[in-house]
Amino acid sequence: MRTHKDLDIWKLGIELVEKVYSLTKAFPKEELFGLTSQLKRASFSVPANIAEGAARNSKKEYIKFLYIALGSLSEVETDLIISHRLGFGNSEELDRLVEELRRKLLNFLKYLKTRSL
């Protein structure tokens, strides 16, 4: 039986969380409850919402949770831009991952909207 763990978007979401946690280790301690916490929570929300949507009973709910994941991904992107500008770290690899995940999420949403269940 296929689950959310079989989805590339979920796997990329887990990779995003790992890379965000790695990046934020180098952030200043005074940002622990600010930008660090916000970035971690937003990144964690991406695969969590993909998983929750996949477990829902309707395509409409699934799509809703995928859009929440997409919103969280945009929040991660914004937090990364802020952290880069504040000099807290820059990760081109992480930026590329965000773009790849966004593209795949949007393509999956398009696929679900055109597919009848």
PDB file of N, CA and C in Angstrom:
ATOM      1  N   MET A   1       0.843  -1.191   0.000  1.00  0.00           N
ATOM      2  CA  MET A   1       0.000   0.000   0.000  1.00  0.00           C
ATOM      3  C   MET A   1       0.886   1.252   0.000  1.00  0.00           C
ATOM      4  N   ARG A   2       0.591   2.161  -0.888  1.00  0.00           N
ATOM      5  CA  ARG A   2       1.368   3.401  -0.988  1.00  0.00           C
ATOM      6  C   ARG A   2       0.893   4.399   0.065  1.00  0.00           C
ATOM      7  N   THR A   3       1.856   5.117   0.629  1.00  0.00           N
ATOM      8  CA  THR A   3       1.545   6.135   1.634  1.00  0.00           C
ATOM      9  C   THR A   3       2.270   7.428   1.266  1.00  0.00           C
ATOM     10  N   HIS A   4       2.098   8.417   2.120  1.00  0.00           N
ATOM     11  CA  HIS A   4       2.782   9.701   1.916  1.00  0.00           C
ATOM     12  C   HIS A   4       4.293   9.520   1.863  1.00  0.00           C
ATOM     13  N   LYS A   5       4.813   8.486   2.523  1.00  0.00           N
ATOM     14  CA  LYS A   5       6.264   8.255   2.547  1.00  0.00           C
ATOM     15  C   LYS A   5       6.813   7.846   1.181  1.00  0.00           C
ATOM     16  N   ASP A   6       5.930   7.496   0.251  1.00  0.00           N
ATOM     17  CA  ASP A   6       6.339   7.148  -1.106  1.00  0.00           C
ATOM     18  C   ASP A   6       6.409   8.369  -2.026  1.00  0.00           C
ATOM     19  N   LEU A   7       5.901   9.493  -1.570  1.00  0.00           N
ATOM     20  CA  LEU A   7       5.846  10.709  -2.395  1.00  0.00           C
ATOM     21  C   LEU A   7       7.184  11.451  -2.386  1.00  0.00           C
ATOM     22  N   ASP A   8       7.641  11.831  -3.569  1.00  0.00           N
ATOM     23  CA  ASP A   8       8.872  12.628  -3.665  1.00  0.00           C
ATOM     24  C   ASP A   8       8.746  13.938  -2.902  1.00  0.00           C
ATOM     25  N   ILE A   9       7.569  14.556  -2.919  1.00  0.00           N
ATOM     26  CA  ILE A   9       7.403  15.839  -2.231  1.00  0.00           C
ATOM     27  C   ILE A   9       7.558  15.674  -0.727  1.00  0.00           C
ATOM     28  N   TRP A  10       7.103  14.557  -0.185  1.00  0.00           N
ATOM     29  CA  TRP A  10       7.269  14.313   1.251  1.00  0.00           C
ATOM     30  C   TRP A  10       8.754  14.084   1.568  1.00  0.00           C
ATOM     31  N   LYS A  11       9.428  13.284   0.734  1.00  0.00           N
ATOM     32  CA  LYS A  11      10.860  13.010   0.932  1.00  0.00           C
ATOM     33  C   LYS A  11      11.678  14.300   0.855  1.00  0.00           C
ATOM     34  N   LEU A  12      11.339  15.161  -0.109  1.00  0.00           N
ATOM     35  CA  LEU A  12      12.035  16.453  -0.215  1.00  0.00           C
ATOM     36  C   LEU A  12      11.728  17.330   0.999  1.00  0.00           C
ATOM     37  N   GLY A  13      10.510  17.235   1.504  1.00  0.00           N
ATOM     38  CA  GLY A  13      10.139  17.983   2.708  1.00  0.00           C
ATOM     39  C   GLY A  13      10.963  17.563   3.910  1.00  0.00           C
ATOM     40  N   ILE A  14      11.182  16.257   4.060  1.00  0.00           N
ATOM     41  CA  ILE A  14      12.015  15.750   5.150  1.00  0.00           C
ATOM     42  C   ILE A  14      13.457  16.243   4.974  1.00  0.00           C
ATOM     43  N   GLU A  15      13.946  16.225   3.745  1.00  0.00           N
ATOM     44  CA  GLU A  15      15.296  16.741   3.467  1.00  0.00           C
ATOM     45  C   GLU A  15      15.389  18.229   3.814  1.00  0.00           C
ATOM     46  N   LEU A  16      14.333  18.969   3.513  1.00  0.00           N
ATOM     47  CA  LEU A  16      14.287  20.394   3.849  1.00  0.00           C
ATOM     48  C   LEU A  16      14.446  20.592   5.350  1.00  0.00           C
ATOM     49  N   VAL A  17      13.711  19.824   6.142  1.00  0.00           N
ATOM     50  CA  VAL A  17      13.798  19.943   7.604  1.00  0.00           C
ATOM     51  C   VAL A  17      15.221  19.663   8.070  1.00  0.00           C
ATOM     52  N   GLU A  18      15.822  18.606   7.556  1.00  0.00           N
ATOM     53  CA  GLU A  18      17.191  18.261   7.947  1.00  0.00           C
ATOM     54  C   GLU A  18      18.164  19.397   7.631  1.00  0.00           C
ATOM     55  N   LYS A  19      18.041  19.972   6.449  1.00  0.00           N
ATOM     56  CA  LYS A  19      18.962  21.033   6.036  1.00  0.00           C
ATOM     57  C   LYS A  19      18.727  22.327   6.831  1.00  0.00           C
ATOM     58  N   VAL A  20      17.471  22.620   7.150  1.00  0.00           N
ATOM     59  CA  VAL A  20      17.168  23.805   7.957  1.00  0.00           C
ATOM     60  C   VAL A  20      17.740  23.632   9.358  1.00  0.00           C
ATOM     61  N   TYR A  21      17.564  22.470   9.948  1.00  0.00           N
ATOM     62  CA  TYR A  21      18.117  22.234  11.284  1.00  0.00           C
ATOM     63  C   TYR A  21      19.637  22.360  11.275  1.00  0.00           C
ATOM     64  N   SER A  22      20.263  21.861  10.231  1.00  0.00           N
ATOM     65  CA  SER A  22      21.711  21.961  10.107  1.00  0.00           C
ATOM     66  C   SER A  22      22.152  23.424   9.975  1.00  0.00           C
ATOM     67  N   LEU A  23      21.464  24.181   9.119  1.00  0.00           N
ATOM     68  CA  LEU A  23      21.802  25.593   8.913  1.00  0.00           C
ATOM     69  C   LEU A  23      21.637  26.406  10.192  1.00  0.00           C
ATOM     70  N   THR A  24      20.549  26.183  10.908  1.00  0.00           N
ATOM     71  CA  THR A  24      20.243  27.023  12.070  1.00  0.00           C
ATOM     72  C   THR A  24      21.143  26.736  13.267  1.00  0.00           C
ATOM     73  N   LYS A  25      21.901  25.653  13.242  1.00  0.00           N
ATOM     74  CA  LYS A  25      22.865  25.391  14.324  1.00  0.00           C
ATOM     75  C   LYS A  25      23.877  26.528  14.439  1.00  0.00           C
ATOM     76  N   ALA A  26      24.155  27.181  13.317  1.00  0.00           N
ATOM     77  CA  ALA A  26      25.154  28.257  13.308  1.00  0.00           C
ATOM     78  C   ALA A  26      24.550  29.634  13.575  1.00  0.00           C
ATOM     79  N   PHE A  27      23.221  29.720  13.738  1.00  0.00           N
ATOM     80  CA  PHE A  27      22.583  31.015  14.003  1.00  0.00           C
ATOM     81  C   PHE A  27      22.968  31.498  15.405  1.00  0.00           C
ATOM     82  N   PRO A  28      22.951  32.815  15.615  1.00  0.00           N
ATOM     83  CA  PRO A  28      23.254  33.356  16.944  1.00  0.00           C
ATOM     84  C   PRO A  28      22.273  32.839  18.001  1.00  0.00           C
ATOM     85  N   LYS A  29      22.770  32.637  19.201  1.00  0.00           N
ATOM     86  CA  LYS A  29      21.939  32.125  20.300  1.00  0.00           C
ATOM     87  C   LYS A  29      20.752  33.039  20.606  1.00  0.00           C
ATOM     88  N   GLU A  30      20.928  34.350  20.396  1.00  0.00           N
ATOM     89  CA  GLU A  30      19.811  35.265  20.680  1.00  0.00           C
ATOM     90  C   GLU A  30      18.651  35.092  19.701  1.00  0.00           C
ATOM     91  N   GLU A  31      18.882  34.354  18.620  1.00  0.00           N
ATOM     92  CA  GLU A  31      17.812  34.073  17.653  1.00  0.00           C
ATOM     93  C   GLU A  31      17.109  32.750  17.921  1.00  0.00           C
ATOM     94  N   LEU A  32      17.481  32.070  19.001  1.00  0.00           N
ATOM     95  CA  LEU A  32      16.924  30.758  19.300  1.00  0.00           C
ATOM     96  C   LEU A  32      15.396  30.771  19.342  1.00  0.00           C
ATOM     97  N   PHE A  33      14.810  31.803  19.945  1.00  0.00           N
ATOM     98  CA  PHE A  33      13.360  31.869  20.058  1.00  0.00           C
ATOM     99  C   PHE A  33      12.738  32.790  19.010  1.00  0.00           C
ATOM    100  N   GLY A  34      13.554  33.266  18.089  1.00  0.00           N
ATOM    101  CA  GLY A  34      13.072  34.125  17.014  1.00  0.00           C
ATOM    102  C   GLY A  34      13.152  33.410  15.692  1.00  0.00           C
ATOM    103  N   LEU A  35      14.060  33.854  14.879  1.00  0.00           N
ATOM    104  CA  LEU A  35      14.191  33.350  13.515  1.00  0.00           C
ATOM    105  C   LEU A  35      14.495  31.852  13.469  1.00  0.00           C
ATOM    106  N   THR A  36      15.342  31.373  14.357  1.00  0.00           N
ATOM    107  CA  THR A  36      15.676  29.945  14.372  1.00  0.00           C
ATOM    108  C   THR A  36      14.433  29.105  14.594  1.00  0.00           C
ATOM    109  N   SER A  37      13.682  29.450  15.613  1.00  0.00           N
ATOM    110  CA  SER A  37      12.455  28.706  15.944  1.00  0.00           C
ATOM    111  C   SER A  37      11.437  28.796  14.814  1.00  0.00           C
ATOM    112  N   GLN A  38      11.267  29.974  14.260  1.00  0.00           N
ATOM    113  CA  GLN A  38      10.296  30.187  13.186  1.00  0.00           C
ATOM    114  C   GLN A  38      10.651  29.369  11.946  1.00  0.00           C
ATOM    115  N   LEU A  39      11.905  29.381  11.593  1.00  0.00           N
ATOM    116  CA  LEU A  39      12.371  28.643  10.414  1.00  0.00           C
ATOM    117  C   LEU A  39      12.203  27.136  10.609  1.00  0.00           C
ATOM    118  N   LYS A  40      12.520  26.658  11.792  1.00  0.00           N
ATOM    119  CA  LYS A  40      12.346  25.232  12.079  1.00  0.00           C
ATOM    120  C   LYS A  40      10.865  24.831  12.019  1.00  0.00           C
ATOM    121  N   ARG A  41      10.010  25.622  12.645  1.00  0.00           N
ATOM    122  CA  ARG A  41       8.569  25.296  12.653  1.00  0.00           C
ATOM    123  C   ARG A  41       7.986  25.307  11.248  1.00  0.00           C
ATOM    124  N   ALA A  42       8.356  26.312  10.459  1.00  0.00           N
ATOM    125  CA  ALA A  42       7.821  26.405   9.096  1.00  0.00           C
ATOM    126  C   ALA A  42       8.298  25.242   8.238  1.00  0.00           C
ATOM    127  N   SER A  43       9.575  24.869   8.374  1.00  0.00           N
ATOM    128  CA  SER A  43      10.086  23.757   7.570  1.00  0.00           C
ATOM    129  C   SER A  43       9.433  22.448   7.992  1.00  0.00           C
ATOM    130  N   PHE A  44       9.256  22.245   9.280  1.00  0.00           N
ATOM    131  CA  PHE A  44       8.621  21.037   9.805  1.00  0.00           C
ATOM    132  C   PHE A  44       7.189  20.906   9.292  1.00  0.00           C
ATOM    133  N   SER A  45       6.527  22.040   9.110  1.00  0.00           N
ATOM    134  CA  SER A  45       5.134  22.054   8.661  1.00  0.00           C
ATOM    135  C   SER A  45       4.955  21.523   7.242  1.00  0.00           C
ATOM    136  N   VAL A  46       5.975  21.633   6.411  1.00  0.00           N
ATOM    137  CA  VAL A  46       5.851  21.216   5.011  1.00  0.00           C
ATOM    138  C   VAL A  46       5.577  19.713   4.904  1.00  0.00           C
ATOM    139  N   PRO A  47       6.472  18.829   5.346  1.00  0.00           N
ATOM    140  CA  PRO A  47       6.176  17.401   5.215  1.00  0.00           C
ATOM    141  C   PRO A  47       5.025  16.950   6.120  1.00  0.00           C
ATOM    142  N   ALA A  48       4.844  17.627   7.263  1.00  0.00           N
ATOM    143  CA  ALA A  48       3.756  17.254   8.161  1.00  0.00           C
ATOM    144  C   ALA A  48       2.400  17.462   7.486  1.00  0.00           C
ATOM    145  N   ASN A  49       2.231  18.563   6.767  1.00  0.00           N
ATOM    146  CA  ASN A  49       0.963  18.816   6.083  1.00  0.00           C
ATOM    147  C   ASN A  49       0.778  17.928   4.855  1.00  0.00           C
ATOM    148  N   ILE A  50       1.867  17.573   4.195  1.00  0.00           N
ATOM    149  CA  ILE A  50       1.773  16.627   3.084  1.00  0.00           C
ATOM    150  C   ILE A  50       1.264  15.283   3.611  1.00  0.00           C
ATOM    151  N   ALA A  51       1.833  14.847   4.729  1.00  0.00           N
ATOM    152  CA  ALA A  51       1.427  13.577   5.336  1.00  0.00           C
ATOM    153  C   ALA A  51      -0.024  13.633   5.809  1.00  0.00           C
ATOM    154  N   GLU A  52      -0.398  14.713   6.484  1.00  0.00           N
ATOM    155  CA  GLU A  52      -1.769  14.813   6.986  1.00  0.00           C
ATOM    156  C   GLU A  52      -2.778  14.849   5.845  1.00  0.00           C
ATOM    157  N   GLY A  53      -2.462  15.580   4.794  1.00  0.00           N
ATOM    158  CA  GLY A  53      -3.363  15.635   3.648  1.00  0.00           C
ATOM    159  C   GLY A  53      -3.544  14.280   2.990  1.00  0.00           C
ATOM    160  N   ALA A  54      -2.453  13.523   2.892  1.00  0.00           N
ATOM    161  CA  ALA A  54      -2.518  12.198   2.264  1.00  0.00           C
ATOM    162  C   ALA A  54      -3.391  11.242   3.063  1.00  0.00           C
ATOM    163  N   ALA A  55      -3.494  11.478   4.359  1.00  0.00           N
ATOM    164  CA  ALA A  55      -4.299  10.605   5.219  1.00  0.00           C
ATOM    165  C   ALA A  55      -5.768  11.009   5.260  1.00  0.00           C
ATOM    166  N   ARG A  56      -6.113  12.115   4.672  1.00  0.00           N
ATOM    167  CA  ARG A  56      -7.503  12.575   4.674  1.00  0.00           C
ATOM    168  C   ARG A  56      -8.362  11.753   3.731  1.00  0.00           C
ATOM    169  N   ASN A  57      -9.641  11.888   3.902  1.00  0.00           N
ATOM    170  CA  ASN A  57     -10.589  11.033   3.202  1.00  0.00           C
ATOM    171  C   ASN A  57     -11.095  11.599   1.879  1.00  0.00           C
ATOM    172  N   SER A  58     -10.668  12.789   1.532  1.00  0.00           N
ATOM    173  CA  SER A  58     -11.172  13.372   0.286  1.00  0.00           C
ATOM    174  C   SER A  58     -10.072  14.125  -0.446  1.00  0.00           C
ATOM    175  N   LYS A  59     -10.235  14.192  -1.756  1.00  0.00           N
ATOM    176  CA  LYS A  59      -9.277  14.927  -2.582  1.00  0.00           C
ATOM    177  C   LYS A  59      -9.282  16.408  -2.204  1.00  0.00           C
ATOM    178  N   LYS A  60     -10.449  16.944  -1.888  1.00  0.00           N
ATOM    179  CA  LYS A  60     -10.552  18.360  -1.523  1.00  0.00           C
ATOM    180  C   LYS A  60      -9.718  18.667  -0.276  1.00  0.00           C
ATOM    181  N   GLU A  61      -9.802  17.797   0.723  1.00  0.00           N
ATOM    182  CA  GLU A  61      -9.005  17.999   1.936  1.00  0.00           C
ATOM    183  C   GLU A  61      -7.516  17.833   1.652  1.00  0.00           C
ATOM    184  N   TYR A  62      -7.180  16.847   0.824  1.00  0.00           N
ATOM    185  CA  TYR A  62      -5.784  16.608   0.455  1.00  0.00           C
ATOM    186  C   TYR A  62      -5.197  17.866  -0.183  1.00  0.00           C
ATOM    187  N   ILE A  63      -5.924  18.425  -1.126  1.00  0.00           N
ATOM    188  CA  ILE A  63      -5.476  19.641  -1.810  1.00  0.00           C
ATOM    189  C   ILE A  63      -5.314  20.794  -0.825  1.00  0.00           C
ATOM    190  N   LYS A  64      -6.259  20.902   0.122  1.00  0.00           N
ATOM    191  CA  LYS A  64      -6.182  21.963   1.130  1.00  0.00           C
ATOM    192  C   LYS A  64      -4.877  21.861   1.930  1.00  0.00           C
ATOM    193  N   PHE A  65      -4.523  20.658   2.355  1.00  0.00           N
ATOM    194  CA  PHE A  65      -3.302  20.485   3.137  1.00  0.00           C
ATOM    195  C   PHE A  65      -2.047  20.691   2.303  1.00  0.00           C
ATOM    196  N   LEU A  66      -2.111  20.362   1.020  1.00  0.00           N
ATOM    197  CA  LEU A  66      -0.972  20.628   0.145  1.00  0.00           C
ATOM    198  C   LEU A  66      -0.761  22.134  -0.021  1.00  0.00           C
ATOM    199  N   TYR A  67      -1.854  22.889  -0.068  1.00  0.00           N
ATOM    200  CA  TYR A  67      -1.723  24.346  -0.133  1.00  0.00           C
ATOM    201  C   TYR A  67      -1.157  24.911   1.172  1.00  0.00           C
ATOM    202  N   ILE A  68      -1.509  24.302   2.289  1.00  0.00           N
ATOM    203  CA  ILE A  68      -0.919  24.733   3.562  1.00  0.00           C
ATOM    204  C   ILE A  68       0.581  24.463   3.543  1.00  0.00           C
ATOM    205  N   ALA A  69       0.977  23.289   3.021  1.00  0.00           N
ATOM    206  CA  ALA A  69       2.402  22.961   2.893  1.00  0.00           C
ATOM    207  C   ALA A  69       3.104  23.977   1.996  1.00  0.00           C
ATOM    208  N   LEU A  70       2.441  24.360   0.910  1.00  0.00           N
ATOM    209  CA  LEU A  70       3.000  25.351  -0.008  1.00  0.00           C
ATOM    210  C   LEU A  70       3.169  26.706   0.694  1.00  0.00           C
ATOM    211  N   GLY A  71       2.200  27.077   1.510  1.00  0.00           N
ATOM    212  CA  GLY A  71       2.305  28.315   2.285  1.00  0.00           C
ATOM    213  C   GLY A  71       3.466  28.269   3.262  1.00  0.00           C
ATOM    214  N   SER A  72       3.632  27.129   3.921  1.00  0.00           N
ATOM    215  CA  SER A  72       4.757  26.969   4.847  1.00  0.00           C
ATOM    216  C   SER A  72       6.085  27.032   4.105  1.00  0.00           C
ATOM    217  N   LEU A  73       6.115  26.482   2.913  1.00  0.00           N
ATOM    218  CA  LEU A  73       7.335  26.537   2.107  1.00  0.00           C
ATOM    219  C   LEU A  73       7.675  27.980   1.745  1.00  0.00           C
ATOM    220  N   SER A  74       6.673  28.780   1.430  1.00  0.00           N
ATOM    221  CA  SER A  74       6.909  30.203   1.147  1.00  0.00           C
ATOM    222  C   SER A  74       7.413  30.926   2.390  1.00  0.00           C
ATOM    223  N   GLU A  75       6.917  30.513   3.549  1.00  0.00           N
ATOM    224  CA  GLU A  75       7.401  31.089   4.805  1.00  0.00           C
ATOM    225  C   GLU A  75       8.875  30.721   5.024  1.00  0.00           C
ATOM    226  N   VAL A  76       9.235  29.466   4.744  1.00  0.00           N
ATOM    227  CA  VAL A  76      10.637  29.044   4.843  1.00  0.00           C
ATOM    228  C   VAL A  76      11.501  29.905   3.931  1.00  0.00           C
ATOM    229  N   GLU A  77      11.044  30.094   2.708  1.00  0.00           N
ATOM    230  CA  GLU A  77      11.807  30.898   1.753  1.00  0.00           C
ATOM    231  C   GLU A  77      12.014  32.314   2.277  1.00  0.00           C
ATOM    232  N   THR A  78      10.981  32.909   2.821  1.00  0.00           N
ATOM    233  CA  THR A  78      11.079  34.262   3.368  1.00  0.00           C
ATOM    234  C   THR A  78      12.035  34.299   4.552  1.00  0.00           C
ATOM    235  N   ASP A  79      11.924  33.312   5.442  1.00  0.00           N
ATOM    236  CA  ASP A  79      12.822  33.243   6.592  1.00  0.00           C
ATOM    237  C   ASP A  79      14.276  33.083   6.153  1.00  0.00           C
ATOM    238  N   LEU A  80      14.499  32.310   5.103  1.00  0.00           N
ATOM    239  CA  LEU A  80      15.866  32.138   4.585  1.00  0.00           C
ATOM    240  C   LEU A  80      16.411  33.436   4.008  1.00  0.00           C
ATOM    241  N   ILE A  81      15.560  34.166   3.290  1.00  0.00           N
ATOM    242  CA  ILE A  81      15.982  35.466   2.738  1.00  0.00           C
ATOM    243  C   ILE A  81      16.376  36.407   3.878  1.00  0.00           C
ATOM    244  N   ILE A  82      15.557  36.441   4.922  1.00  0.00           N
ATOM    245  CA  ILE A  82      15.849  37.296   6.075  1.00  0.00           C
ATOM    246  C   ILE A  82      17.155  36.870   6.736  1.00  0.00           C
ATOM    247  N   SER A  83      17.316  35.558   6.934  1.00  0.00           N
ATOM    248  CA  SER A  83      18.549  35.091   7.589  1.00  0.00           C
ATOM    249  C   SER A  83      19.782  35.389   6.738  1.00  0.00           C
ATOM    250  N   HIS A  84      19.656  35.260   5.423  1.00  0.00           N
ATOM    251  CA  HIS A  84      20.777  35.603   4.530  1.00  0.00           C
ATOM    252  C   HIS A  84      21.123  37.084   4.669  1.00  0.00           C
ATOM    253  N   ARG A  85      20.106  37.924   4.652  1.00  0.00           N
ATOM    254  CA  ARG A  85      20.340  39.377   4.718  1.00  0.00           C
ATOM    255  C   ARG A  85      20.926  39.809   6.054  1.00  0.00           C
ATOM    256  N   LEU A  86      20.594  39.062   7.104  1.00  0.00           N
ATOM    257  CA  LEU A  86      21.139  39.380   8.426  1.00  0.00           C
ATOM    258  C   LEU A  86      22.510  38.753   8.652  1.00  0.00           C
ATOM    259  N   GLY A  87      22.979  38.006   7.644  1.00  0.00           N
ATOM    260  CA  GLY A  87      24.300  37.409   7.732  1.00  0.00           C
ATOM    261  C   GLY A  87      24.372  36.157   8.583  1.00  0.00           C
ATOM    262  N   PHE A  88      23.243  35.479   8.778  1.00  0.00           N
ATOM    263  CA  PHE A  88      23.204  34.286   9.630  1.00  0.00           C
ATOM    264  C   PHE A  88      23.493  32.999   8.874  1.00  0.00           C
ATOM    265  N   GLY A  89      23.798  33.098   7.625  1.00  0.00           N
ATOM    266  CA  GLY A  89      24.089  31.896   6.854  1.00  0.00           C
ATOM    267  C   GLY A  89      23.428  31.967   5.498  1.00  0.00           C
ATOM    268  N   ASN A  90      24.069  31.338   4.566  1.00  0.00           N
ATOM    269  CA  ASN A  90      23.543  31.325   3.206  1.00  0.00           C
ATOM    270  C   ASN A  90      23.749  29.923   2.659  1.00  0.00           C
ATOM    271  N   SER A  91      22.695  29.360   2.126  1.00  0.00           N
ATOM    272  CA  SER A  91      22.791  28.015   1.586  1.00  0.00           C
ATOM    273  C   SER A  91      22.118  27.963   0.223  1.00  0.00           C
ATOM    274  N   GLU A  92      22.943  28.029  -0.814  1.00  0.00           N
ATOM    275  CA  GLU A  92      22.390  27.936  -2.172  1.00  0.00           C
ATOM    276  C   GLU A  92      21.729  26.578  -2.386  1.00  0.00           C
ATOM    277  N   GLU A  93      22.277  25.552  -1.762  1.00  0.00           N
ATOM    278  CA  GLU A  93      21.694  24.215  -1.864  1.00  0.00           C
ATOM    279  C   GLU A  93      20.284  24.199  -1.278  1.00  0.00           C
ATOM    280  N   LEU A  94      20.110  24.859  -0.147  1.00  0.00           N
ATOM    281  CA  LEU A  94      18.793  24.945   0.483  1.00  0.00           C
ATOM    282  C   LEU A  94      17.838  25.779  -0.369  1.00  0.00           C
ATOM    283  N   ASP A  95      18.333  26.855  -0.939  1.00  0.00           N
ATOM    284  CA  ASP A  95      17.505  27.677  -1.832  1.00  0.00           C
ATOM    285  C   ASP A  95      17.031  26.860  -3.036  1.00  0.00           C
ATOM    286  N   ARG A  96      17.920  26.046  -3.608  1.00  0.00           N
ATOM    287  CA  ARG A  96      17.548  25.190  -4.743  1.00  0.00           C
ATOM    288  C   ARG A  96      16.516  24.140  -4.329  1.00  0.00           C
ATOM    289  N   LEU A  97      16.673  23.601  -3.130  1.00  0.00           N
ATOM    290  CA  LEU A  97      15.728  22.612  -2.622  1.00  0.00           C
ATOM    291  C   LEU A  97      14.336  23.218  -2.474  1.00  0.00           C
ATOM    292  N   VAL A  98      14.266  24.434  -1.960  1.00  0.00           N
ATOM    293  CA  VAL A  98      12.978  25.124  -1.814  1.00  0.00           C
ATOM    294  C   VAL A  98      12.321  25.283  -3.181  1.00  0.00           C
ATOM    295  N   GLU A  99      13.090  25.704  -4.174  1.00  0.00           N
ATOM    296  CA  GLU A  99      12.532  25.884  -5.523  1.00  0.00           C
ATOM    297  C   GLU A  99      12.071  24.561  -6.131  1.00  0.00           C
ATOM    298  N   GLU A 100      12.865  23.512  -5.956  1.00  0.00           N
ATOM    299  CA  GLU A 100      12.488  22.204  -6.492  1.00  0.00           C
ATOM    300  C   GLU A 100      11.220  21.686  -5.818  1.00  0.00           C
ATOM    301  N   LEU A 101      11.147  21.833  -4.520  1.00  0.00           N
ATOM    302  CA  LEU A 101       9.971  21.377  -3.781  1.00  0.00           C
ATOM    303  C   LEU A 101       8.733  22.172  -4.182  1.00  0.00           C
ATOM    304  N   ARG A 102       8.879  23.475  -4.359  1.00  0.00           N
ATOM    305  CA  ARG A 102       7.746  24.303  -4.794  1.00  0.00           C
ATOM    306  C   ARG A 102       7.236  23.838  -6.158  1.00  0.00           C
ATOM    307  N   ARG A 103       8.161  23.630  -7.081  1.00  0.00           N
ATOM    308  CA  ARG A 103       7.777  23.199  -8.427  1.00  0.00           C
ATOM    309  C   ARG A 103       7.044  21.852  -8.383  1.00  0.00           C
ATOM    310  N   LYS A 104       7.571  20.920  -7.605  1.00  0.00           N
ATOM    311  CA  LYS A 104       6.954  19.596  -7.527  1.00  0.00           C
ATOM    312  C   LYS A 104       5.609  19.635  -6.807  1.00  0.00           C
ATOM    313  N   LEU A 105       5.504  20.450  -5.787  1.00  0.00           N
ATOM    314  CA  LEU A 105       4.225  20.605  -5.094  1.00  0.00           C
ATOM    315  C   LEU A 105       3.160  21.173  -6.032  1.00  0.00           C
ATOM    316  N   LEU A 106       3.524  22.212  -6.771  1.00  0.00           N
ATOM    317  CA  LEU A 106       2.580  22.815  -7.713  1.00  0.00           C
ATOM    318  C   LEU A 106       2.171  21.837  -8.811  1.00  0.00           C
ATOM    319  N   ASN A 107       3.120  21.058  -9.304  1.00  0.00           N
ATOM    320  CA  ASN A 107       2.796  20.049 -10.325  1.00  0.00           C
ATOM    321  C   ASN A 107       1.890  18.965  -9.764  1.00  0.00           C
ATOM    322  N   PHE A 108       2.133  18.557  -8.533  1.00  0.00           N
ATOM    323  CA  PHE A 108       1.289  17.540  -7.909  1.00  0.00           C
ATOM    324  C   PHE A 108      -0.118  18.078  -7.682  1.00  0.00           C
ATOM    325  N   LEU A 109      -0.220  19.323  -7.259  1.00  0.00           N
ATOM    326  CA  LEU A 109      -1.534  19.946  -7.095  1.00  0.00           C
ATOM    327  C   LEU A 109      -2.289  19.989  -8.424  1.00  0.00           C
ATOM    328  N   LYS A 110      -1.591  20.370  -9.471  1.00  0.00           N
ATOM    329  CA  LYS A 110      -2.199  20.416 -10.798  1.00  0.00           C
ATOM    330  C   LYS A 110      -2.706  19.023 -11.197  1.00  0.00           C
ATOM    331  N   TYR A 111      -1.879  18.023 -10.951  1.00  0.00           N
ATOM    332  CA  TYR A 111      -2.251  16.641 -11.249  1.00  0.00           C
ATOM    333  C   TYR A 111      -3.504  16.228 -10.474  1.00  0.00           C
ATOM    334  N   LEU A 112      -3.531  16.510  -9.171  1.00  0.00           N
ATOM    335  CA  LEU A 112      -4.691  16.112  -8.355  1.00  0.00           C
ATOM    336  C   LEU A 112      -5.966  16.822  -8.800  1.00  0.00           C
ATOM    337  N   LYS A 113      -5.847  18.071  -9.183  1.00  0.00           N
ATOM    338  CA  LYS A 113      -7.032  18.826  -9.600  1.00  0.00           C
ATOM    339  C   LYS A 113      -7.626  18.306 -10.896  1.00  0.00           C
ATOM    340  N   THR A 114      -6.806  17.723 -11.757  1.00  0.00           N
ATOM    341  CA  THR A 114      -7.312  17.235 -13.038  1.00  0.00           C
ATOM    342  C   THR A 114      -7.700  15.745 -13.006  1.00  0.00           C
ATOM    343  N   ARG A 115      -7.330  15.090 -11.920  1.00  0.00           N
ATOM    344  CA  ARG A 115      -7.584  13.654 -11.784  1.00  0.00           C
ATOM    345  C   ARG A 115      -8.883  13.447 -11.014  1.00  0.00           C
ATOM    346  N   SER A 116      -9.723  12.577 -11.516  1.00  0.00           N
ATOM    347  CA  SER A 116     -10.954  12.265 -10.788  1.00  0.00           C
ATOM    348  C   SER A 116     -10.710  11.071  -9.881  1.00  0.00           C
ATOM    349  N   LEU A 117     -11.187  11.183  -8.662  1.00  0.00           N
ATOM    350  CA  LEU A 117     -11.011  10.101  -7.693  1.00  0.00           C
ATOM    351  C   LEU A 117     -12.300   9.337  -7.521  1.00  0.00           C
TER     352      LEU A 117
END
